[in-house]
N, C-alpha and C. Protein backbone atom coordinates (compact mmCIF):
# COMPACT_ATOMS: atom_id res chain seq x y z
N MET A 1 7.17 14.53 -9.41
CA MET A 1 8.07 12.39 -9.33
C MET A 1 8.28 12.59 -7.97
N ALA A 2 7.71 11.01 -8.73
CA ALA A 2 7.64 10.36 -6.94
C ALA A 2 9.16 9.95 -6.68
N VAL A 3 9.40 9.39 -5.73
CA VAL A 3 11.29 8.89 -4.89
C VAL A 3 10.76 8.30 -3.96
N GLU A 4 11.52 7.40 -3.74
CA GLU A 4 11.12 6.62 -2.84
C GLU A 4 12.85 6.65 -1.19
N PHE A 5 13.03 6.85 -0.72
CA PHE A 5 13.34 6.99 0.49
C PHE A 5 13.73 6.11 1.53
N SER A 6 15.09 5.91 2.22
CA SER A 6 14.48 4.22 2.87
C SER A 6 16.48 4.98 3.87
N ASN A 7 15.59 6.45 4.67
CA ASN A 7 16.77 5.96 5.86
C ASN A 7 16.56 5.53 7.14
N ALA A 8 15.04 4.76 6.78
CA ALA A 8 14.14 3.80 8.27
C ALA A 8 13.36 3.16 7.66
N ALA A 9 14.08 2.87 6.44
CA ALA A 9 13.33 1.69 5.83
C ALA A 9 13.16 0.30 6.58
N VAL A 10 11.74 -0.12 6.67
CA VAL A 10 11.41 -1.65 6.60
C VAL A 10 10.87 -2.75 5.57
N LYS A 11 12.15 -3.44 4.42
CA LYS A 11 11.31 -3.96 3.57
C LYS A 11 11.76 -5.91 4.30
N LYS A 12 10.47 -6.05 3.68
CA LYS A 12 10.84 -7.30 4.04
C LYS A 12 10.45 -8.13 2.81
N THR A 13 10.94 -9.63 2.35
CA THR A 13 11.26 -10.41 0.97
C THR A 13 9.75 -11.58 0.91
N PHE A 14 8.65 -11.26 0.12
CA PHE A 14 7.57 -12.56 0.29
C PHE A 14 7.88 -13.66 -0.87
N THR A 15 6.80 -14.03 -0.60
CA THR A 15 6.14 -14.86 -1.81
C THR A 15 4.66 -14.85 -2.28
N ALA A 16 5.16 -14.13 -3.82
CA ALA A 16 4.10 -13.84 -4.71
C ALA A 16 3.22 -15.18 -3.97
N GLY A 17 1.58 -15.20 -4.12
CA GLY A 17 1.53 -16.16 -4.15
C GLY A 17 -0.15 -16.12 -5.29
N GLY A 18 0.11 -15.07 -6.13
CA GLY A 18 -0.57 -15.31 -7.26
C GLY A 18 0.89 -14.38 -8.29
N ASP A 19 -0.54 -13.48 -10.01
CA ASP A 19 0.78 -13.08 -10.23
C ASP A 19 1.18 -11.96 -10.29
N LEU A 20 1.92 -10.61 -9.36
CA LEU A 20 1.39 -9.31 -8.47
C LEU A 20 2.90 -9.37 -10.46
N SER A 21 2.41 -9.13 -11.11
CA SER A 21 3.33 -8.42 -12.13
C SER A 21 3.03 -6.77 -13.17
N SER A 22 1.28 -6.81 -12.89
CA SER A 22 1.53 -5.44 -12.89
C SER A 22 0.53 -4.88 -11.21
N ALA A 23 1.28 -5.24 -10.35
CA ALA A 23 0.63 -4.30 -9.43
C ALA A 23 2.34 -3.94 -8.33
N GLN A 24 2.66 -3.49 -9.03
CA GLN A 24 3.94 -2.50 -8.51
C GLN A 24 3.34 -1.87 -8.33
N TYR A 25 4.08 -1.15 -6.97
CA TYR A 25 3.75 0.15 -6.47
C TYR A 25 2.75 -0.28 -5.82
N LYS A 26 1.59 -1.37 -5.35
CA LYS A 26 0.29 -1.58 -5.49
C LYS A 26 0.24 -2.26 -4.04
N PHE A 27 -0.82 -1.93 -3.02
CA PHE A 27 -0.66 -2.90 -1.61
C PHE A 27 -0.88 -3.65 -1.44
N VAL A 28 -0.51 -4.58 -0.87
CA VAL A 28 -0.53 -5.91 -0.69
C VAL A 28 -0.20 -6.45 0.82
N LYS A 29 -1.57 -8.16 0.85
CA LYS A 29 -1.26 -8.23 2.77
C LYS A 29 -1.00 -9.09 2.60
N ILE A 30 -1.03 -10.00 3.54
CA ILE A 30 -1.06 -11.63 3.40
C ILE A 30 -1.58 -12.41 3.58
N ASP A 31 -1.91 -13.51 2.69
CA ASP A 31 -2.83 -14.33 1.94
C ASP A 31 -2.37 -15.78 3.60
N ASN A 32 -3.44 -15.15 4.43
CA ASN A 32 -3.20 -16.42 6.34
C ASN A 32 -3.54 -17.24 5.62
N ALA A 33 -3.54 -18.92 4.54
CA ALA A 33 -3.43 -19.52 4.27
C ALA A 33 -2.32 -20.01 4.58
N ASP A 34 -1.22 -19.35 3.52
CA ASP A 34 -0.12 -19.68 3.66
C ASP A 34 1.20 -18.82 3.57
N GLY A 35 0.77 -17.86 4.39
CA GLY A 35 1.35 -16.45 4.38
C GLY A 35 2.39 -15.63 2.95
N ASP A 36 2.02 -16.30 2.35
CA ASP A 36 2.65 -15.60 0.78
C ASP A 36 1.84 -13.79 0.29
N VAL A 37 2.57 -13.08 -0.23
CA VAL A 37 1.45 -12.24 0.03
C VAL A 37 0.87 -11.53 -1.75
N VAL A 38 -0.60 -10.88 -1.36
CA VAL A 38 -1.32 -11.09 -2.49
C VAL A 38 -1.77 -9.52 -2.44
N VAL A 39 -2.34 -9.04 -3.57
CA VAL A 39 -3.44 -8.39 -3.93
C VAL A 39 -4.27 -7.20 -3.00
N CYS A 40 -4.20 -6.52 -1.54
CA CYS A 40 -4.96 -6.34 -1.09
C CYS A 40 -6.62 -5.80 -2.47
N SER A 41 -7.50 -6.99 -3.03
CA SER A 41 -8.97 -6.23 -3.15
C SER A 41 -9.73 -5.74 -2.53
N ALA A 42 -10.05 -5.77 -1.26
CA ALA A 42 -11.86 -4.77 -0.79
C ALA A 42 -10.75 -3.38 0.34
N THR A 43 -11.91 -2.02 0.19
CA THR A 43 -10.92 -1.07 0.99
C THR A 43 -10.19 -1.28 2.65
N THR A 44 -11.61 -3.02 2.85
CA THR A 44 -11.30 -2.94 4.27
C THR A 44 -9.97 -4.30 5.05
N ASP A 45 -9.25 -4.63 3.75
CA ASP A 45 -8.11 -5.30 4.13
C ASP A 45 -6.94 -4.40 4.55
N ARG A 46 -5.98 -5.31 5.69
CA ARG A 46 -5.07 -5.37 6.31
C ARG A 46 -3.77 -4.45 5.55
N PRO A 47 -3.64 -3.68 4.74
CA PRO A 47 -2.09 -3.94 3.36
C PRO A 47 -0.77 -4.09 5.10
N ILE A 48 -0.04 -5.23 4.18
CA ILE A 48 1.29 -5.54 5.19
C ILE A 48 2.15 -4.38 4.66
N GLY A 49 2.09 -3.76 3.07
CA GLY A 49 2.98 -3.13 2.73
C GLY A 49 3.03 -2.96 0.83
N VAL A 50 3.80 -2.17 0.66
CA VAL A 50 3.78 -1.65 -0.32
C VAL A 50 4.82 -3.05 -1.22
N LEU A 51 4.02 -3.39 -2.36
CA LEU A 51 5.02 -4.14 -3.72
C LEU A 51 6.12 -3.46 -4.33
N GLN A 52 7.08 -3.52 -4.64
CA GLN A 52 8.04 -3.02 -4.84
C GLN A 52 8.93 -3.85 -5.64
N ASN A 53 8.44 -4.65 -7.25
CA ASN A 53 8.79 -5.10 -8.16
C ASN A 53 7.74 -5.66 -8.83
N ASP A 54 8.33 -6.70 -9.70
CA ASP A 54 6.37 -7.07 -10.21
C ASP A 54 6.82 -8.96 -10.23
N PRO A 55 6.61 -9.33 -9.31
CA PRO A 55 7.31 -10.58 -9.58
C PRO A 55 6.04 -11.55 -10.25
N ALA A 56 6.32 -12.99 -10.60
CA ALA A 56 5.14 -13.38 -10.77
C ALA A 56 4.91 -14.54 -10.20
N GLU A 57 3.53 -15.63 -10.46
CA GLU A 57 3.75 -16.22 -8.88
C GLU A 57 4.50 -17.70 -8.45
N GLY A 58 4.67 -17.28 -7.06
CA GLY A 58 6.36 -17.98 -7.00
C GLY A 58 7.25 -17.33 -6.46
N GLU A 59 7.59 -16.22 -7.43
CA GLU A 59 9.17 -15.60 -7.24
C GLU A 59 8.27 -14.96 -5.66
N ALA A 60 10.12 -13.80 -5.55
CA ALA A 60 10.58 -13.26 -4.31
C ALA A 60 9.54 -11.97 -4.46
N ALA A 61 9.38 -11.15 -3.66
CA ALA A 61 8.45 -10.11 -3.40
C ALA A 61 8.78 -9.44 -2.28
N GLU A 62 9.53 -8.58 -2.87
CA GLU A 62 9.46 -7.31 -2.09
C GLU A 62 8.83 -6.10 -2.17
N VAL A 63 8.79 -6.05 -0.46
CA VAL A 63 7.56 -5.14 0.37
C VAL A 63 8.48 -4.50 1.44
N THR A 64 7.78 -3.11 1.31
CA THR A 64 8.69 -1.47 1.72
C THR A 64 7.15 -2.06 2.78
N ILE A 65 7.28 -2.35 3.88
CA ILE A 65 6.37 -2.60 5.69
C ILE A 65 6.30 -1.24 5.79
N VAL A 66 7.60 -0.72 5.76
CA VAL A 66 7.61 1.13 7.27
C VAL A 66 8.55 2.28 6.01
N GLY A 67 8.20 3.14 5.93
CA GLY A 67 8.67 4.09 4.71
C GLY A 67 8.25 4.92 4.15
N GLY A 68 9.19 5.73 3.39
CA GLY A 68 8.95 6.11 1.88
C GLY A 68 8.82 5.56 0.97
N THR A 69 8.08 5.24 0.12
CA THR A 69 7.42 4.27 -0.71
C THR A 69 7.23 5.34 -2.04
N LYS A 70 7.42 5.05 -3.62
CA LYS A 70 6.40 4.98 -4.33
C LYS A 70 5.25 4.03 -4.35
N LEU A 71 3.51 4.97 -5.22
CA LEU A 71 2.92 4.37 -4.84
C LEU A 71 1.71 4.59 -5.93
N VAL A 72 0.98 3.94 -6.35
CA VAL A 72 -0.38 4.11 -7.92
C VAL A 72 -1.98 4.57 -6.68
N ALA A 73 -2.22 6.06 -7.09
CA ALA A 73 -2.89 7.09 -6.33
C ALA A 73 -3.83 6.29 -7.17
N GLY A 74 -5.77 5.97 -6.52
CA GLY A 74 -5.59 5.72 -7.08
C GLY A 74 -7.56 6.35 -7.28
N GLY A 75 -6.90 7.93 -6.46
CA GLY A 75 -8.33 8.64 -6.83
C GLY A 75 -6.77 10.11 -6.91
N SER A 76 -8.16 11.72 -6.25
CA SER A 76 -7.09 12.52 -5.94
C SER A 76 -6.92 12.57 -5.01
N ALA A 77 -5.74 13.34 -4.13
CA ALA A 77 -5.29 13.08 -2.54
C ALA A 77 -4.29 14.78 -3.26
N SER A 78 -4.45 14.72 -1.19
CA SER A 78 -3.78 16.22 -1.05
C SER A 78 -2.83 15.96 -0.26
N ALA A 79 -1.29 16.46 -0.60
CA ALA A 79 -0.60 16.03 0.37
C ALA A 79 -0.56 16.59 2.12
N GLY A 80 -1.05 16.02 2.98
CA GLY A 80 -0.88 15.00 3.99
C GLY A 80 -2.26 14.77 4.22
N GLN A 81 -2.70 14.45 3.86
CA GLN A 81 -3.51 13.14 3.54
C GLN A 81 -3.74 11.43 3.97
N PRO A 82 -4.01 10.86 4.34
CA PRO A 82 -4.67 11.08 5.82
C PRO A 82 -4.38 8.92 4.59
N LEU A 83 -4.22 8.00 4.30
CA LEU A 83 -3.96 6.80 3.85
C LEU A 83 -3.68 5.55 2.91
N PHE A 84 -5.45 4.90 2.94
CA PHE A 84 -6.05 4.20 3.11
C PHE A 84 -5.36 3.36 1.69
N THR A 85 -6.22 1.70 1.40
CA THR A 85 -5.75 1.20 0.81
C THR A 85 -7.59 1.29 0.06
N SER A 86 -7.82 1.14 -1.34
CA SER A 86 -8.06 0.73 -2.30
C SER A 86 -9.01 -0.45 -2.89
N ALA A 87 -9.77 -0.64 -3.06
CA ALA A 87 -10.82 -2.32 -3.51
C ALA A 87 -9.66 -2.90 -4.75
N SER A 88 -8.45 -1.99 -5.48
CA SER A 88 -7.60 -1.84 -6.71
C SER A 88 -6.37 -2.14 -6.08
N ALA A 89 -6.61 -1.98 -4.97
CA ALA A 89 -4.36 -1.88 -4.02
C ALA A 89 -4.22 -0.43 -4.22
N THR A 90 -4.73 0.31 -5.08
CA THR A 90 -3.94 1.50 -4.84
C THR A 90 -4.45 2.45 -4.27
N GLY A 91 -3.43 3.63 -3.87
CA GLY A 91 -3.84 4.39 -2.95
C GLY A 91 -4.68 5.45 -2.23
N ALA A 92 -5.86 5.70 -1.62
CA ALA A 92 -7.35 6.64 -1.80
C ALA A 92 -6.90 6.80 0.02
N THR A 93 -7.80 8.24 -0.25
CA THR A 93 -8.26 8.90 1.00
C THR A 93 -10.18 8.55 1.12
N ALA A 94 -9.92 8.70 3.14
CA ALA A 94 -11.02 8.85 3.21
C ALA A 94 -11.31 9.15 4.19
N ALA A 95 -12.95 9.66 4.47
CA ALA A 95 -13.10 9.98 5.65
C ALA A 95 -12.91 9.73 6.95
N ILE A 96 -12.51 10.23 7.70
CA ILE A 96 -12.41 10.06 9.73
C ILE A 96 -13.86 9.76 10.08
N GLY A 97 -13.80 8.49 10.69
CA GLY A 97 -14.47 8.19 10.88
C GLY A 97 -15.72 8.03 10.48
N GLY A 98 -15.76 8.06 9.25
CA GLY A 98 -17.15 7.54 8.03
C GLY A 98 -17.01 6.43 7.66
N ALA A 99 -16.81 6.31 5.87
CA ALA A 99 -16.20 4.92 5.48
C ALA A 99 -14.35 4.74 5.77
N ALA A 100 -13.97 5.24 6.07
CA ALA A 100 -12.88 4.94 7.46
C ALA A 100 -12.88 3.93 8.16
N SER A 101 -14.16 3.91 8.91
CA SER A 101 -14.17 3.84 10.57
C SER A 101 -13.97 1.86 10.43
N THR A 102 -13.98 1.27 8.68
CA THR A 102 -13.69 0.08 8.60
C THR A 102 -12.62 -0.52 7.44
N MET A 103 -11.61 0.89 7.29
CA MET A 103 -10.64 0.97 6.94
C MET A 103 -9.56 0.89 7.59
N TYR A 104 -7.99 1.29 7.12
CA TYR A 104 -6.76 0.57 8.10
C TYR A 104 -6.74 1.56 7.29
N ILE A 105 -5.67 2.69 8.44
CA ILE A 105 -4.68 3.12 8.17
C ILE A 105 -3.26 3.80 7.82
N ALA A 106 -3.24 3.62 6.54
CA ALA A 106 -1.66 2.59 5.88
C ALA A 106 -0.10 4.28 6.02
N GLY A 107 -0.55 5.36 5.92
CA GLY A 107 0.25 6.24 6.08
C GLY A 107 -0.49 7.63 6.14
N ALA A 108 0.25 8.48 5.14
CA ALA A 108 0.01 9.68 4.86
C ALA A 108 0.43 9.86 2.41
N PHE A 109 0.04 10.56 2.58
CA PHE A 109 0.33 11.22 0.92
C PHE A 109 0.86 12.11 1.55
N ILE A 110 2.50 11.99 0.74
CA ILE A 110 3.41 13.49 0.72
C ILE A 110 3.41 14.91 0.02
N GLU A 111 2.32 13.90 -1.42
CA GLU A 111 2.65 14.86 -2.15
C GLU A 111 1.11 14.63 -2.89
N ASP A 112 0.17 15.68 -3.71
CA ASP A 112 -0.77 15.83 -3.89
C ASP A 112 -0.94 14.41 -5.96
N ALA A 113 -2.14 14.03 -5.20
CA ALA A 113 -1.77 12.90 -5.72
C ALA A 113 -3.03 13.48 -7.11
N ALA A 114 -2.96 12.56 -8.17
CA ALA A 114 -4.31 12.34 -9.59
C ALA A 114 -4.11 10.53 -9.37
N ALA A 115 -5.24 10.03 -10.12
CA ALA A 115 -5.62 8.70 -10.35
C ALA A 115 -5.08 8.06 -11.16
N GLY A 116 -4.33 7.12 -11.11
CA GLY A 116 -3.21 6.93 -12.00
C GLY A 116 -2.07 6.46 -11.24
N GLU A 117 -1.44 7.92 -10.82
CA GLU A 117 -0.39 8.85 -10.68
C GLU A 117 0.78 7.56 -9.54
N ILE A 118 2.19 7.47 -10.34
CA ILE A 118 2.41 6.43 -9.14
C ILE A 118 3.43 8.57 -8.87
N VAL A 119 2.40 8.20 -7.18
CA VAL A 119 3.34 9.25 -6.17
C VAL A 119 4.07 8.97 -5.18
N THR A 120 5.16 9.45 -4.14
CA THR A 120 5.43 9.76 -2.73
C THR A 120 4.27 9.41 -2.33
N VAL A 121 5.26 8.27 -0.96
CA VAL A 121 3.84 8.53 -0.39
C VAL A 121 4.66 7.44 1.82
N VAL A 122 4.33 7.41 2.17
CA VAL A 122 5.09 7.42 3.96
C VAL A 122 3.94 6.09 3.89
N VAL A 123 4.50 5.46 4.76
CA VAL A 123 4.00 3.97 4.88
C VAL A 123 3.61 4.05 5.98
N ASN A 124 3.66 2.62 7.01
CA ASN A 124 3.37 2.64 8.31
C ASN A 124 2.43 1.43 8.75
N CYS A 125 2.37 0.10 7.89
CA CYS A 125 1.98 -0.67 7.93
C CYS A 125 1.89 -1.93 8.84
N ALA A 126 3.07 -1.58 9.51
CA ALA A 126 3.04 -2.73 10.33
C ALA A 126 2.55 -1.91 11.94
N ASN A 127 1.88 -0.38 11.89
CA ASN A 127 1.15 -0.29 13.15
C ASN A 127 0.11 0.55 12.53
N SER A 128 -0.90 -0.76 11.57
CA SER A 128 -1.65 0.41 10.96
C SER A 128 -2.76 -0.25 11.83
N ALA A 129 -4.37 0.65 11.90
CA ALA A 129 -4.51 0.71 12.38
C ALA A 129 -6.35 1.04 12.06
N ARG A 130 -7.68 1.10 12.78
CA ARG A 130 -8.98 1.65 11.75
C ARG A 130 -8.56 3.35 11.55
N GLY A 131 -9.85 4.02 10.50
CA GLY A 131 -10.20 5.49 10.36
C GLY A 131 -10.90 5.47 11.49
N VAL A 132 -11.21 5.49 12.11
CA VAL A 132 -11.88 6.11 13.54
C VAL A 132 -13.07 7.17 14.00
């Protein structure tokens, strides 16, 4: 069962830059035009964190930037694998040095995952780097 833990979590409230009502527990990024958050839409997006609620456009969007959180898995993964965003803002894996060289490592899976499942991950989007 997926859990959140926040002993040292970093969370921030942003404004939803679009309808995020179906994006709870998915990766979001900052829209550089206005500083609002929107759903990640490419594997090369740099996520700012994981959305914790389901706001409509203009509402408060609660985002976990660093810490343990729930996340929708985009495919199968094993505990300990590096965590990336998929083009649909879900958690994904990638081979370091291959496709990951254009993607940002956003944390790690801390339990096994299957596609569409909500799982526990640890994110560090404040210090994400390319998966070279």
